[in-house]
Protein backbone atom coordinates (compact mmCIF):
# COMPACT_ATOMS: atom_id res chain seq x y z
CA MET A 1 -19.77 30.87 -3.49
CA ALA A 2 -18.00 33.48 -1.39
CA LYS A 3 -14.26 33.75 -1.83
CA THR A 4 -11.99 33.81 1.17
CA ASN A 5 -8.78 35.74 1.18
CA PRO A 6 -5.50 33.80 1.42
CA PHE A 7 -4.95 34.73 5.08
CA GLN A 8 -8.36 33.36 6.13
CA PHE A 9 -7.76 30.26 4.03
CA LEU A 10 -4.46 29.56 5.79
CA GLN A 11 -6.12 30.07 9.18
CA GLN A 12 -8.83 27.58 8.24
CA VAL A 13 -6.25 25.06 7.00
CA ARG A 14 -4.28 25.41 10.23
CA SER A 15 -7.45 24.97 12.27
CA GLU A 16 -8.43 21.81 10.39
CA THR A 17 -4.89 20.41 10.58
CA SER A 18 -4.93 20.77 14.36
CA LYS A 19 -8.03 18.51 14.47
CA VAL A 20 -6.20 15.66 12.76
CA THR A 21 -5.15 12.74 14.96
CA TRP A 22 -1.63 11.96 13.81
CA PRO A 23 -0.25 8.45 14.32
CA THR A 24 2.57 7.95 16.75
CA ARG A 25 6.04 7.03 15.55
CA ARG A 26 5.55 3.48 16.83
CA GLU A 27 2.23 3.10 14.92
CA THR A 28 3.88 4.39 11.74
CA VAL A 29 6.83 2.00 12.03
CA THR A 30 4.56 -0.95 12.86
CA THR A 31 2.33 -0.23 9.88
CA ALA A 32 5.30 0.17 7.54
CA VAL A 33 6.79 -3.15 8.69
CA MET A 34 3.43 -4.87 8.16
CA VAL A 35 3.22 -3.47 4.63
CA PHE A 36 6.70 -4.80 3.80
CA VAL A 37 5.96 -8.22 5.31
CA PHE A 38 2.71 -8.58 3.38
CA ALA A 39 4.35 -7.36 0.16
CA ILE A 40 7.08 -9.99 0.53
CA ALA A 41 4.49 -12.68 1.36
CA ALA A 42 2.40 -11.73 -1.67
CA SER A 43 5.42 -11.76 -3.97
CA ILE A 44 6.44 -15.22 -2.73
CA PHE A 45 2.87 -16.49 -3.18
CA PHE A 46 2.66 -15.19 -6.75
CA MET A 47 6.13 -16.51 -7.58
CA ILE A 48 5.12 -20.00 -6.43
CA SER A 49 1.74 -19.75 -8.20
CA ASP A 50 3.45 -18.68 -11.42
CA PHE A 51 5.91 -21.57 -11.21
CA VAL A 52 3.14 -24.14 -10.58
CA LEU A 53 0.97 -22.81 -13.41
CA LYS A 54 3.96 -22.70 -15.78
CA GLN A 55 4.75 -26.34 -15.01
CA ALA A 56 1.10 -27.38 -15.40
CA VAL A 57 0.72 -25.65 -18.76
CA GLY A 58 4.03 -27.09 -19.92
CA LEU A 59 2.88 -30.60 -19.04
CA LEU A 60 -0.51 -30.11 -20.68
CA LEU A 61 1.03 -28.86 -23.92
CA GLY A 62 3.76 -31.50 -23.92
CA LEU A 63 6.54 -28.98 -23.51
CA GLY A 64 7.77 -30.37 -20.20
CA HIS A 65 9.99 -33.16 -21.55
């Protein structure tokens, strides 16, 4: 494989970077908010699931007096 010198490499990187479609600020903020909302929803779901399973196992093993 032919080696490229550092200057050519940087030119190629710059050329490829210019082809990238960067998200707008609004798209980035919207996506970040969605990630936080879904993370909170998932944590609440797993908290409730854990509580229900803990109670069920406690009742089955007779520990829930």
